[in-house]
């Protein structure tokens, strides 16, 4: 578990990530503070909670700003308290693997 803030370079990497969303989420998980509490993956669905950590909120903002359209294609739900659900649709995974 990391409790450090993501660097400007790491946030820029998220904003400029390619279309490999599964790799992007795996990398983001490595940066995520309190992932034991706030990160769960089931299939291609990710359940993430910021746990009130502003560093995680910065990562969420970078995900929203990503040039790869991740947020538009994979965001499924947000609820009060910093809880998010992302679904990487099968056709996006299959397209990447072709």
C-alpha atoms as a PDB file:
ATOM      1  CA  UNK A   1       0.000   0.000   0.000  1.00  0.00           C
ATOM      2  CA  UNK A   2       1.262   3.425  -0.870  1.00  0.00           C
ATOM      3  CA  UNK A   3       0.327   6.567   1.008  1.00  0.00           C
ATOM      4  CA  UNK A   4       2.235   8.980  -1.146  1.00  0.00           C
ATOM      5  CA  UNK A   5       0.719  11.434  -3.531  1.00  0.00           C
ATOM      6  CA  UNK A   6       0.986  10.576  -7.215  1.00  0.00           C
ATOM      7  CA  UNK A   7       3.654  12.632  -8.946  1.00  0.00           C
ATOM      8  CA  UNK A   8       2.920  15.074 -11.753  1.00  0.00           C
ATOM      9  CA  UNK A   9       4.655  12.629 -14.113  1.00  0.00           C
ATOM     10  CA  UNK A  10       2.399   9.748 -13.011  1.00  0.00           C
ATOM     11  CA  UNK A  11      -0.737  11.859 -13.423  1.00  0.00           C
ATOM     12  CA  UNK A  12       0.440  12.922 -16.874  1.00  0.00           C
ATOM     13  CA  UNK A  13       0.988   9.248 -17.778  1.00  0.00           C
ATOM     14  CA  UNK A  14      -2.638   8.513 -16.867  1.00  0.00           C
ATOM     15  CA  UNK A  15      -3.868  11.457 -18.947  1.00  0.00           C
ATOM     16  CA  UNK A  16      -1.796  10.284 -21.944  1.00  0.00           C
ATOM     17  CA  UNK A  17      -2.325   6.512 -21.598  1.00  0.00           C
ATOM     18  CA  UNK A  18      -3.019   4.448 -24.724  1.00  0.00           C
ATOM     19  CA  UNK A  19      -6.212   2.424 -25.188  1.00  0.00           C
ATOM     20  CA  UNK A  20      -5.072  -0.573 -23.134  1.00  0.00           C
ATOM     21  CA  UNK A  21      -7.507   0.085 -20.300  1.00  0.00           C
ATOM     22  CA  UNK A  22      -6.744  -3.132 -18.414  1.00  0.00           C
ATOM     23  CA  UNK A  23      -3.032  -2.223 -18.254  1.00  0.00           C
ATOM     24  CA  UNK A  24      -3.945   1.316 -17.241  1.00  0.00           C
ATOM     25  CA  UNK A  25      -6.108   0.091 -14.367  1.00  0.00           C
ATOM     26  CA  UNK A  26      -3.432  -2.354 -13.214  1.00  0.00           C
ATOM     27  CA  UNK A  27      -0.905   0.481 -13.118  1.00  0.00           C
ATOM     28  CA  UNK A  28      -3.333   2.821 -11.344  1.00  0.00           C
ATOM     29  CA  UNK A  29      -3.944   0.102  -8.760  1.00  0.00           C
ATOM     30  CA  UNK A  30      -0.211   0.152  -7.971  1.00  0.00           C
ATOM     31  CA  UNK A  31      -0.484   3.898  -7.217  1.00  0.00           C
ATOM     32  CA  UNK A  32      -3.747   3.670  -5.257  1.00  0.00           C
ATOM     33  CA  UNK A  33      -3.517   4.435  -1.533  1.00  0.00           C
ATOM     34  CA  UNK A  34      -5.544   2.161   0.757  1.00  0.00           C
ATOM     35  CA  UNK A  35      -6.159  -0.344  -2.025  1.00  0.00           C
ATOM     36  CA  UNK A  36      -6.803  -3.107   0.524  1.00  0.00           C
ATOM     37  CA  UNK A  37      -9.965  -1.202   1.396  1.00  0.00           C
ATOM     38  CA  UNK A  38     -10.660   0.725  -1.774  1.00  0.00           C
ATOM     39  CA  UNK A  39      -9.833  -1.471  -4.769  1.00  0.00           C
ATOM     40  CA  UNK A  40     -11.644  -4.575  -5.958  1.00  0.00           C
ATOM     41  CA  UNK A  41     -11.765  -6.159  -9.392  1.00  0.00           C
ATOM     42  CA  UNK A  42     -14.322  -8.686 -10.583  1.00  0.00           C
ATOM     43  CA  UNK A  43     -13.817  -9.721 -14.192  1.00  0.00           C
ATOM     44  CA  UNK A  44     -13.445  -6.476 -16.116  1.00  0.00           C
ATOM     45  CA  UNK A  45     -15.328  -4.440 -13.488  1.00  0.00           C
ATOM     46  CA  UNK A  46     -13.443  -2.285 -10.990  1.00  0.00           C
ATOM     47  CA  UNK A  47     -14.886  -1.064  -7.706  1.00  0.00           C
ATOM     48  CA  UNK A  48     -12.706   1.712  -6.316  1.00  0.00           C
ATOM     49  CA  UNK A  49     -13.043   4.023  -3.341  1.00  0.00           C
ATOM     50  CA  UNK A  50     -10.846   7.005  -2.692  1.00  0.00           C
ATOM     51  CA  UNK A  51     -11.063   6.545   1.108  1.00  0.00           C
ATOM     52  CA  UNK A  52     -11.031  10.338   1.308  1.00  0.00           C
ATOM     53  CA  UNK A  53      -7.366  10.397   0.268  1.00  0.00           C
ATOM     54  CA  UNK A  54      -6.724  13.460  -1.885  1.00  0.00           C
ATOM     55  CA  UNK A  55      -4.003  11.607  -3.816  1.00  0.00           C
ATOM     56  CA  UNK A  56      -6.625   9.096  -4.979  1.00  0.00           C
ATOM     57  CA  UNK A  57      -8.918  11.986  -5.895  1.00  0.00           C
ATOM     58  CA  UNK A  58      -6.104  13.384  -8.061  1.00  0.00           C
ATOM     59  CA  UNK A  59      -5.880  10.025  -9.839  1.00  0.00           C
ATOM     60  CA  UNK A  60      -9.655  10.047 -10.435  1.00  0.00           C
ATOM     61  CA  UNK A  61      -9.358  13.542 -11.937  1.00  0.00           C
ATOM     62  CA  UNK A  62      -6.556  12.385 -14.244  1.00  0.00           C
ATOM     63  CA  UNK A  63      -8.732   9.429 -15.317  1.00  0.00           C
ATOM     64  CA  UNK A  64     -11.528  11.884 -16.194  1.00  0.00           C
ATOM     65  CA  UNK A  65      -9.070  13.938 -18.253  1.00  0.00           C
ATOM     66  CA  UNK A  66      -7.453  10.973 -20.043  1.00  0.00           C
ATOM     67  CA  UNK A  67      -7.158  11.519 -23.785  1.00  0.00           C
ATOM     68  CA  UNK A  68      -7.973   7.853 -24.443  1.00  0.00           C
ATOM     69  CA  UNK A  69     -11.693   8.293 -23.673  1.00  0.00           C
ATOM     70  CA  UNK A  70     -11.459   5.900 -20.708  1.00  0.00           C
ATOM     71  CA  UNK A  71     -13.984   7.829 -18.637  1.00  0.00           C
ATOM     72  CA  UNK A  72     -16.513   8.064 -21.472  1.00  0.00           C
ATOM     73  CA  UNK A  73     -16.231   4.368 -22.302  1.00  0.00           C
ATOM     74  CA  UNK A  74     -15.737   2.731 -18.899  1.00  0.00           C
ATOM     75  CA  UNK A  75     -17.241   4.905 -16.158  1.00  0.00           C
ATOM     76  CA  UNK A  76     -20.367   3.211 -14.868  1.00  0.00           C
ATOM     77  CA  UNK A  77     -21.263   4.753 -11.520  1.00  0.00           C
ATOM     78  CA  UNK A  78     -20.185   7.256  -8.890  1.00  0.00           C
ATOM     79  CA  UNK A  79     -21.689   7.505  -5.425  1.00  0.00           C
ATOM     80  CA  UNK A  80     -21.244   9.881  -2.549  1.00  0.00           C
ATOM     81  CA  UNK A  81     -18.128   9.293  -0.522  1.00  0.00           C
ATOM     82  CA  UNK A  82     -15.728   8.760  -3.409  1.00  0.00           C
ATOM     83  CA  UNK A  83     -16.964   5.393  -4.653  1.00  0.00           C
ATOM     84  CA  UNK A  84     -16.651   4.535  -8.365  1.00  0.00           C
ATOM     85  CA  UNK A  85     -17.454   1.628 -10.630  1.00  0.00           C
ATOM     86  CA  UNK A  86     -15.706   1.193 -13.986  1.00  0.00           C
ATOM     87  CA  UNK A  87     -16.574  -1.491 -16.522  1.00  0.00           C
ATOM     88  CA  UNK A  88     -14.100  -2.272 -19.280  1.00  0.00           C
ATOM     89  CA  UNK A  89     -16.450  -3.700 -21.852  1.00  0.00           C
ATOM     90  CA  UNK A  90     -15.530  -7.014 -23.458  1.00  0.00           C
ATOM     91  CA  UNK A  91     -15.309  -5.521 -26.941  1.00  0.00           C
ATOM     92  CA  UNK A  92     -12.649  -3.081 -25.712  1.00  0.00           C
ATOM     93  CA  UNK A  93     -10.565  -5.934 -24.282  1.00  0.00           C
ATOM     94  CA  UNK A  94     -11.063  -8.060 -27.410  1.00  0.00           C
ATOM     95  CA  UNK A  95     -10.183  -5.135 -29.703  1.00  0.00           C
ATOM     96  CA  UNK A  96      -6.914  -4.595 -27.820  1.00  0.00           C
ATOM     97  CA  UNK A  97      -6.020  -8.288 -28.124  1.00  0.00           C
ATOM     98  CA  UNK A  98      -6.501  -8.405 -31.903  1.00  0.00           C
END
